[in-house]
Amino acid sequence: MLALTGYLLWLLENCVKYMTKNAYIQIALTNKSFFPAAWNAFALVIKHAHRFGFATTIGVMYMFTGCLLVGSATTGCAYLFLTN
């Protein structure tokens, strides 16, 4: 029960941080106060959830490809350095 409560609090904290970050972005863009900006940010995320999901998926694929590329290049260079 304690672990579940800790996880739920961690999840709530991350959601609040994400929404606060988006609210501050909305404040900078629209010059509104915090609550209307937070509501606009929430509505924007809900309205365009598919776009956010797609962008996240593309980002994950690029990160995976980059990790493979860097790991392969490092391994290849180390192999060439050690065999010569």
PDB file of N, CA and C in Angstrom:
ATOM      1  N   MET A   1       0.823  -1.184   0.000  1.00  0.00           N
ATOM      2  CA  MET A   1       0.000   0.000   0.000  1.00  0.00           C
ATOM      3  C   MET A   1       0.875   1.259   0.000  1.00  0.00           C
ATOM      4  N   LEU A   2       1.982   1.193   0.738  1.00  0.00           N
ATOM      5  CA  LEU A   2       2.895   2.327   0.794  1.00  0.00           C
ATOM      6  C   LEU A   2       3.563   2.566  -0.558  1.00  0.00           C
ATOM      7  N   ALA A   3       3.939   1.484  -1.242  1.00  0.00           N
ATOM      8  CA  ALA A   3       4.558   1.619  -2.561  1.00  0.00           C
ATOM      9  C   ALA A   3       3.566   2.201  -3.568  1.00  0.00           C
ATOM     10  N   LEU A   4       2.315   1.767  -3.497  1.00  0.00           N
ATOM     11  CA  LEU A   4       1.293   2.287  -4.396  1.00  0.00           C
ATOM     12  C   LEU A   4       1.053   3.773  -4.149  1.00  0.00           C
ATOM     13  N   THR A   5       0.999   4.163  -2.891  1.00  0.00           N
ATOM     14  CA  THR A   5       0.827   5.569  -2.555  1.00  0.00           C
ATOM     15  C   THR A   5       2.007   6.400  -3.045  1.00  0.00           C
ATOM     16  N   GLY A   6       3.216   5.875  -2.876  1.00  0.00           N
ATOM     17  CA  GLY A   6       4.404   6.572  -3.366  1.00  0.00           C
ATOM     18  C   GLY A   6       4.378   6.733  -4.875  1.00  0.00           C
ATOM     19  N   TYR A   7       3.950   5.679  -5.573  1.00  0.00           N
ATOM     20  CA  TYR A   7       3.872   5.764  -7.030  1.00  0.00           C
ATOM     21  C   TYR A   7       2.832   6.787  -7.458  1.00  0.00           C
ATOM     22  N   LEU A   8       1.671   6.792  -6.816  1.00  0.00           N
ATOM     23  CA  LEU A   8       0.627   7.742  -7.185  1.00  0.00           C
ATOM     24  C   LEU A   8       1.055   9.184  -6.914  1.00  0.00           C
ATOM     25  N   LEU A   9       1.768   9.402  -5.824  1.00  0.00           N
ATOM     26  CA  LEU A   9       2.275  10.749  -5.542  1.00  0.00           C
ATOM     27  C   LEU A   9       3.329  11.171  -6.568  1.00  0.00           C
ATOM     28  N   TRP A  10       4.182  10.237  -6.969  1.00  0.00           N
ATOM     29  CA  TRP A  10       5.189  10.519  -8.001  1.00  0.00           C
ATOM     30  C   TRP A  10       4.498  10.873  -9.320  1.00  0.00           C
ATOM     31  N   LEU A  11       3.447  10.112  -9.668  1.00  0.00           N
ATOM     32  CA  LEU A  11       2.710  10.372 -10.896  1.00  0.00           C
ATOM     33  C   LEU A  11       2.035  11.741 -10.852  1.00  0.00           C
ATOM     34  N   LEU A  12       1.421  12.067  -9.729  1.00  0.00           N
ATOM     35  CA  LEU A  12       0.783  13.370  -9.577  1.00  0.00           C
ATOM     36  C   LEU A  12       1.802  14.499  -9.683  1.00  0.00           C
ATOM     37  N   GLU A  13       2.968  14.323  -9.067  1.00  0.00           N
ATOM     38  CA  GLU A  13       4.020  15.338  -9.127  1.00  0.00           C
ATOM     39  C   GLU A  13       4.469  15.576 -10.564  1.00  0.00           C
ATOM     40  N   ASN A  14       4.662  14.506 -11.331  1.00  0.00           N
ATOM     41  CA  ASN A  14       5.098  14.651 -12.721  1.00  0.00           C
ATOM     42  C   ASN A  14       4.030  15.312 -13.575  1.00  0.00           C
ATOM     43  N   CYS A  15       2.766  14.990 -13.342  1.00  0.00           N
ATOM     44  CA  CYS A  15       1.680  15.633 -14.087  1.00  0.00           C
ATOM     45  C   CYS A  15       1.622  17.129 -13.780  1.00  0.00           C
ATOM     46  N   VAL A  16       1.779  17.477 -12.509  1.00  0.00           N
ATOM     47  CA  VAL A  16       1.744  18.890 -12.122  1.00  0.00           C
ATOM     48  C   VAL A  16       2.928  19.641 -12.730  1.00  0.00           C
ATOM     49  N   LYS A  17       4.111  19.031 -12.721  1.00  0.00           N
ATOM     50  CA  LYS A  17       5.283  19.671 -13.330  1.00  0.00           C
ATOM     51  C   LYS A  17       5.075  19.886 -14.833  1.00  0.00           C
ATOM     52  N   TYR A  18       4.515  18.881 -15.501  1.00  0.00           N
ATOM     53  CA  TYR A  18       4.288  18.980 -16.946  1.00  0.00           C
ATOM     54  C   TYR A  18       3.284  20.085 -17.252  1.00  0.00           C
ATOM     55  N   MET A  19       2.187  20.114 -16.497  1.00  0.00           N
ATOM     56  CA  MET A  19       1.163  21.132 -16.745  1.00  0.00           C
ATOM     57  C   MET A  19       1.666  22.524 -16.374  1.00  0.00           C
ATOM     58  N   THR A  20       2.475  22.632 -15.337  1.00  0.00           N
ATOM     59  CA  THR A  20       3.020  23.934 -14.951  1.00  0.00           C
ATOM     60  C   THR A  20       3.958  24.462 -16.032  1.00  0.00           C
ATOM     61  N   LYS A  21       4.776  23.572 -16.576  1.00  0.00           N
ATOM     62  CA  LYS A  21       5.683  23.976 -17.652  1.00  0.00           C
ATOM     63  C   LYS A  21       4.888  24.471 -18.857  1.00  0.00           C
ATOM     64  N   ASN A  22       3.842  23.745 -19.220  1.00  0.00           N
ATOM     65  CA  ASN A  22       3.021  24.166 -20.351  1.00  0.00           C
ATOM     66  C   ASN A  22       2.253  25.446 -20.038  1.00  0.00           C
ATOM     67  N   ALA A  23       1.847  25.625 -18.787  1.00  0.00           N
ATOM     68  CA  ALA A  23       1.149  26.851 -18.401  1.00  0.00           C
ATOM     69  C   ALA A  23       2.080  28.051 -18.517  1.00  0.00           C
ATOM     70  N   TYR A  24       3.326  27.906 -18.108  1.00  0.00           N
ATOM     71  CA  TYR A  24       4.270  29.014 -18.232  1.00  0.00           C
ATOM     72  C   TYR A  24       4.550  29.347 -19.700  1.00  0.00           C
ATOM     73  N   ILE A  25       4.557  28.339 -20.549  1.00  0.00           N
ATOM     74  CA  ILE A  25       4.713  28.589 -21.979  1.00  0.00           C
ATOM     75  C   ILE A  25       3.516  29.380 -22.499  1.00  0.00           C
ATOM     76  N   GLN A  26       2.317  28.991 -22.064  1.00  0.00           N
ATOM     77  CA  GLN A  26       1.114  29.718 -22.473  1.00  0.00           C
ATOM     78  C   GLN A  26       1.115  31.147 -21.938  1.00  0.00           C
ATOM     79  N   ILE A  27       1.614  31.346 -20.725  1.00  0.00           N
ATOM     80  CA  ILE A  27       1.721  32.706 -20.175  1.00  0.00           C
ATOM     81  C   ILE A  27       2.628  33.558 -21.046  1.00  0.00           C
ATOM     82  N   ALA A  28       3.758  32.981 -21.470  1.00  0.00           N
ATOM     83  CA  ALA A  28       4.690  33.731 -22.308  1.00  0.00           C
ATOM     84  C   ALA A  28       4.083  34.042 -23.672  1.00  0.00           C
ATOM     85  N   LEU A  29       3.264  33.137 -24.201  1.00  0.00           N
ATOM     86  CA  LEU A  29       2.683  33.348 -25.520  1.00  0.00           C
ATOM     87  C   LEU A  29       1.482  34.278 -25.509  1.00  0.00           C
ATOM     88  N   THR A  30       0.613  34.165 -24.486  1.00  0.00           N
ATOM     89  CA  THR A  30      -0.652  34.891 -24.511  1.00  0.00           C
ATOM     90  C   THR A  30      -0.746  36.010 -23.489  1.00  0.00           C
ATOM     91  N   ASN A  31       0.181  36.098 -22.561  1.00  0.00           N
ATOM     92  CA  ASN A  31       0.199  37.126 -21.519  1.00  0.00           C
ATOM     93  C   ASN A  31      -1.062  37.083 -20.647  1.00  0.00           C
ATOM     94  N   LYS A  32      -1.545  35.880 -20.353  1.00  0.00           N
ATOM     95  CA  LYS A  32      -2.676  35.698 -19.453  1.00  0.00           C
ATOM     96  C   LYS A  32      -2.147  35.319 -18.073  1.00  0.00           C
ATOM     97  N   SER A  33      -3.025  35.315 -17.081  1.00  0.00           N
ATOM     98  CA  SER A  33      -2.613  34.890 -15.743  1.00  0.00           C
ATOM     99  C   SER A  33      -2.466  33.367 -15.712  1.00  0.00           C
ATOM    100  N   PHE A  34      -2.020  32.840 -14.565  1.00  0.00           N
ATOM    101  CA  PHE A  34      -1.618  31.432 -14.512  1.00  0.00           C
ATOM    102  C   PHE A  34      -2.783  30.483 -14.759  1.00  0.00           C
ATOM    103  N   PHE A  35      -3.911  30.654 -14.066  1.00  0.00           N
ATOM    104  CA  PHE A  35      -4.988  29.675 -14.187  1.00  0.00           C
ATOM    105  C   PHE A  35      -5.573  29.601 -15.596  1.00  0.00           C
ATOM    106  N   PRO A  36      -5.893  30.717 -16.239  1.00  0.00           N
ATOM    107  CA  PRO A  36      -6.381  30.591 -17.632  1.00  0.00           C
ATOM    108  C   PRO A  36      -5.322  29.991 -18.563  1.00  0.00           C
ATOM    109  N   ALA A  37      -4.077  30.326 -18.332  1.00  0.00           N
ATOM    110  CA  ALA A  37      -3.015  29.759 -19.168  1.00  0.00           C
ATOM    111  C   ALA A  37      -2.886  28.256 -18.929  1.00  0.00           C
ATOM    112  N   ALA A  38      -3.008  27.829 -17.667  1.00  0.00           N
ATOM    113  CA  ALA A  38      -2.946  26.395 -17.367  1.00  0.00           C
ATOM    114  C   ALA A  38      -4.126  25.664 -17.996  1.00  0.00           C
ATOM    115  N   TRP A  39      -5.308  26.275 -17.938  1.00  0.00           N
ATOM    116  CA  TRP A  39      -6.486  25.659 -18.555  1.00  0.00           C
ATOM    117  C   TRP A  39      -6.317  25.575 -20.067  1.00  0.00           C
ATOM    118  N   ASN A  40      -5.790  26.621 -20.691  1.00  0.00           N
ATOM    119  CA  ASN A  40      -5.546  26.595 -22.137  1.00  0.00           C
ATOM    120  C   ASN A  40      -4.512  25.533 -22.502  1.00  0.00           C
ATOM    121  N   ALA A  41      -3.476  25.393 -21.686  1.00  0.00           N
ATOM    122  CA  ALA A  41      -2.458  24.378 -21.939  1.00  0.00           C
ATOM    123  C   ALA A  41      -3.052  22.982 -21.826  1.00  0.00           C
ATOM    124  N   PHE A  42      -3.891  22.767 -20.805  1.00  0.00           N
ATOM    125  CA  PHE A  42      -4.548  21.472 -20.639  1.00  0.00           C
ATOM    126  C   PHE A  42      -5.454  21.170 -21.823  1.00  0.00           C
ATOM    127  N   ALA A  43      -6.236  22.149 -22.249  1.00  0.00           N
ATOM    128  CA  ALA A  43      -7.126  21.961 -23.392  1.00  0.00           C
ATOM    129  C   ALA A  43      -6.326  21.676 -24.661  1.00  0.00           C
ATOM    130  N   LEU A  44      -5.209  22.352 -24.823  1.00  0.00           N
ATOM    131  CA  LEU A  44      -4.360  22.130 -25.995  1.00  0.00           C
ATOM    132  C   LEU A  44      -3.804  20.721 -26.012  1.00  0.00           C
ATOM    133  N   VAL A  45      -3.337  20.244 -24.853  1.00  0.00           N
ATOM    134  CA  VAL A  45      -2.792  18.886 -24.771  1.00  0.00           C
ATOM    135  C   VAL A  45      -3.887  17.861 -25.052  1.00  0.00           C
ATOM    136  N   ILE A  46      -5.079  18.058 -24.507  1.00  0.00           N
ATOM    137  CA  ILE A  46      -6.167  17.115 -24.730  1.00  0.00           C
ATOM    138  C   ILE A  46      -6.639  17.148 -26.188  1.00  0.00           C
ATOM    139  N   LYS A  47      -6.737  18.345 -26.762  1.00  0.00           N
ATOM    140  CA  LYS A  47      -7.217  18.478 -28.133  1.00  0.00           C
ATOM    141  C   LYS A  47      -6.243  17.853 -29.136  1.00  0.00           C
ATOM    142  N   HIS A  48      -4.961  17.978 -28.869  1.00  0.00           N
ATOM    143  CA  HIS A  48      -3.947  17.497 -29.809  1.00  0.00           C
ATOM    144  C   HIS A  48      -3.135  16.336 -29.227  1.00  0.00           C
ATOM    145  N   ALA A  49      -3.795  15.460 -28.493  1.00  0.00           N
ATOM    146  CA  ALA A  49      -3.097  14.332 -27.873  1.00  0.00           C
ATOM    147  C   ALA A  49      -2.467  13.417 -28.925  1.00  0.00           C
ATOM    148  N   HIS A  50      -3.129  13.209 -30.037  1.00  0.00           N
ATOM    149  CA  HIS A  50      -2.580  12.357 -31.085  1.00  0.00           C
ATOM    150  C   HIS A  50      -1.296  12.951 -31.666  1.00  0.00           C
ATOM    151  N   ARG A  51      -1.238  14.267 -31.786  1.00  0.00           N
ATOM    152  CA  ARG A  51      -0.018  14.893 -32.309  1.00  0.00           C
ATOM    153  C   ARG A  51       1.125  14.798 -31.312  1.00  0.00           C
ATOM    154  N   PHE A  52       0.818  15.005 -30.029  1.00  0.00           N
ATOM    155  CA  PHE A  52       1.850  14.860 -29.004  1.00  0.00           C
ATOM    156  C   PHE A  52       2.361  13.423 -28.957  1.00  0.00           C
ATOM    157  N   GLY A  53       1.440  12.472 -29.066  1.00  0.00           N
ATOM    158  CA  GLY A  53       1.833  11.058 -29.073  1.00  0.00           C
ATOM    159  C   GLY A  53       2.688  10.713 -30.268  1.00  0.00           C
ATOM    160  N   PHE A  54       2.318  11.231 -31.433  1.00  0.00           N
ATOM    161  CA  PHE A  54       3.101  10.973 -32.642  1.00  0.00           C
ATOM    162  C   PHE A  54       4.492  11.581 -32.530  1.00  0.00           C
ATOM    163  N   ALA A  55       4.573  12.811 -32.018  1.00  0.00           N
ATOM    164  CA  ALA A  55       5.880  13.455 -31.865  1.00  0.00           C
ATOM    165  C   ALA A  55       6.740  12.703 -30.857  1.00  0.00           C
ATOM    166  N   THR A  56       6.124  12.201 -29.796  1.00  0.00           N
ATOM    167  CA  THR A  56       6.869  11.416 -28.814  1.00  0.00           C
ATOM    168  C   THR A  56       7.388  10.127 -29.441  1.00  0.00           C
ATOM    169  N   THR A  57       6.554   9.473 -30.250  1.00  0.00           N
ATOM    170  CA  THR A  57       6.971   8.236 -30.911  1.00  0.00           C
ATOM    171  C   THR A  57       8.140   8.488 -31.855  1.00  0.00           C
ATOM    172  N   ILE A  58       8.069   9.553 -32.628  1.00  0.00           N
ATOM    173  CA  ILE A  58       9.164   9.895 -33.541  1.00  0.00           C
ATOM    174  C   ILE A  58      10.436  10.184 -32.740  1.00  0.00           C
ATOM    175  N   GLY A  59      10.309  10.901 -31.638  1.00  0.00           N
ATOM    176  CA  GLY A  59      11.470  11.195 -30.791  1.00  0.00           C
ATOM    177  C   GLY A  59      12.101   9.941 -30.224  1.00  0.00           C
ATOM    178  N   VAL A  60      11.281   8.997 -29.799  1.00  0.00           N
ATOM    179  CA  VAL A  60      11.802   7.735 -29.260  1.00  0.00           C
ATOM    180  C   VAL A  60      12.537   6.958 -30.343  1.00  0.00           C
ATOM    181  N   MET A  61      11.984   6.948 -31.552  1.00  0.00           N
ATOM    182  CA  MET A  61      12.653   6.235 -32.650  1.00  0.00           C
ATOM    183  C   MET A  61      13.996   6.880 -32.979  1.00  0.00           C
ATOM    184  N   TYR A  62      14.056   8.210 -33.003  1.00  0.00           N
ATOM    185  CA  TYR A  62      15.323   8.890 -33.270  1.00  0.00           C
ATOM    186  C   TYR A  62      16.338   8.622 -32.158  1.00  0.00           C
ATOM    187  N   MET A  63      15.900   8.625 -30.921  1.00  0.00           N
ATOM    188  CA  MET A  63      16.812   8.346 -29.810  1.00  0.00           C
ATOM    189  C   MET A  63      17.370   6.920 -29.903  1.00  0.00           C
ATOM    190  N   PHE A  64      16.511   5.957 -30.230  1.00  0.00           N
ATOM    191  CA  PHE A  64      16.955   4.574 -30.364  1.00  0.00           C
ATOM    192  C   PHE A  64      17.956   4.428 -31.502  1.00  0.00           C
ATOM    193  N   THR A  65      17.644   5.046 -32.654  1.00  0.00           N
ATOM    194  CA  THR A  65      18.556   4.986 -33.800  1.00  0.00           C
ATOM    195  C   THR A  65      19.876   5.667 -33.473  1.00  0.00           C
ATOM    196  N   GLY A  66      19.826   6.794 -32.787  1.00  0.00           N
ATOM    197  CA  GLY A  66      21.057   7.489 -32.406  1.00  0.00           C
ATOM    198  C   GLY A  66      21.902   6.677 -31.456  1.00  0.00           C
ATOM    199  N   CYS A  67      21.274   6.025 -30.485  1.00  0.00           N
ATOM    200  CA  CYS A  67      22.023   5.183 -29.547  1.00  0.00           C
ATOM    201  C   CYS A  67      22.687   4.027 -30.274  1.00  0.00           C
ATOM    202  N   LEU A  68      21.947   3.399 -31.200  1.00  0.00           N
ATOM    203  CA  LEU A  68      22.546   2.312 -31.979  1.00  0.00           C
ATOM    204  C   LEU A  68      23.709   2.812 -32.821  1.00  0.00           C
ATOM    205  N   LEU A  69      23.559   3.964 -33.447  1.00  0.00           N
ATOM    206  CA  LEU A  69      24.609   4.510 -34.290  1.00  0.00           C
ATOM    207  C   LEU A  69      25.857   4.854 -33.479  1.00  0.00           C
ATOM    208  N   VAL A  70      25.681   5.516 -32.348  1.00  0.00           N
ATOM    209  CA  VAL A  70      26.826   5.884 -31.515  1.00  0.00           C
ATOM    210  C   VAL A  70      27.511   4.640 -30.963  1.00  0.00           C
ATOM    211  N   GLY A  71      26.716   3.681 -30.501  1.00  0.00           N
ATOM    212  CA  GLY A  71      27.301   2.435 -29.986  1.00  0.00           C
ATOM    213  C   GLY A  71      28.050   1.667 -31.047  1.00  0.00           C
ATOM    214  N   SER A  72      27.486   1.584 -32.259  1.00  0.00           N
ATOM    215  CA  SER A  72      28.150   0.879 -33.365  1.00  0.00           C
ATOM    216  C   SER A  72      29.434   1.593 -33.783  1.00  0.00           C
ATOM    217  N   ALA A  73      29.386   2.908 -33.881  1.00  0.00           N
ATOM    218  CA  ALA A  73      30.575   3.667 -34.276  1.00  0.00           C
ATOM    219  C   ALA A  73      31.677   3.534 -33.228  1.00  0.00           C
ATOM    220  N   THR A  74      31.325   3.576 -31.973  1.00  0.00           N
ATOM    221  CA  THR A  74      32.316   3.438 -30.907  1.00  0.00           C
ATOM    222  C   THR A  74      32.924   2.045 -30.919  1.00  0.00           C
ATOM    223  N   THR A  75      32.079   1.031 -31.090  1.00  0.00           N
ATOM    224  CA  THR A  75      32.576  -0.343 -31.138  1.00  0.00           C
ATOM    225  C   THR A  75      33.484  -0.542 -32.343  1.00  0.00           C
ATOM    226  N   GLY A  76      33.084  -0.010 -33.511  1.00  0.00           N
ATOM    227  CA  GLY A  76      33.916  -0.143 -34.709  1.00  0.00           C
ATOM    228  C   GLY A  76      35.260   0.553 -34.564  1.00  0.00           C
ATOM    229  N   CYS A  77      35.258   1.756 -34.010  1.00  0.00           N
ATOM    230  CA  CYS A  77      36.517   2.478 -33.804  1.00  0.00           C
ATOM    231  C   CYS A  77      37.412   1.772 -32.804  1.00  0.00           C
ATOM    232  N   ALA A  78      36.828   1.245 -31.744  1.00  0.00           N
ATOM    233  CA  ALA A  78      37.618   0.521 -30.749  1.00  0.00           C
ATOM    234  C   ALA A  78      38.195  -0.754 -31.346  1.00  0.00           C
ATOM    235  N   TYR A  79      37.441  -1.451 -32.171  1.00  0.00           N
ATOM    236  CA  TYR A  79      37.939  -2.658 -32.824  1.00  0.00           C
ATOM    237  C   TYR A  79      39.107  -2.330 -33.751  1.00  0.00           C
ATOM    238  N   LEU A  80      38.951  -1.280 -34.549  1.00  0.00           N
ATOM    239  CA  LEU A  80      40.032  -0.887 -35.455  1.00  0.00           C
ATOM    240  C   LEU A  80      41.268  -0.436 -34.682  1.00  0.00           C
ATOM    241  N   PHE A  81      41.079   0.277 -33.593  1.00  0.00           N
ATOM    242  CA  PHE A  81      42.194   0.748 -32.779  1.00  0.00           C
ATOM    243  C   PHE A  81      42.923  -0.428 -32.126  1.00  0.00           C
ATOM    244  N   LEU A  82      42.199  -1.411 -31.646  1.00  0.00           N
ATOM    245  CA  LEU A  82      42.826  -2.543 -30.941  1.00  0.00           C
ATOM    246  C   LEU A  82      43.455  -3.550 -31.890  1.00  0.00           C
ATOM    247  N   THR A  83      42.974  -3.675 -33.125  1.00  0.00           N
ATOM    248  CA  THR A  83      43.549  -4.651 -34.054  1.00  0.00           C
ATOM    249  C   THR A  83      44.753  -4.086 -34.797  1.00  0.00           C
ATOM    250  N   ASN A  84      44.915  -2.786 -34.829  1.00  0.00           N
ATOM    251  CA  ASN A  84      46.063  -2.212 -35.546  1.00  0.00           C
ATOM    252  C   ASN A  84      47.180  -1.886 -34.616  1.00  0.00           C
TER     253      ASN A  84
END
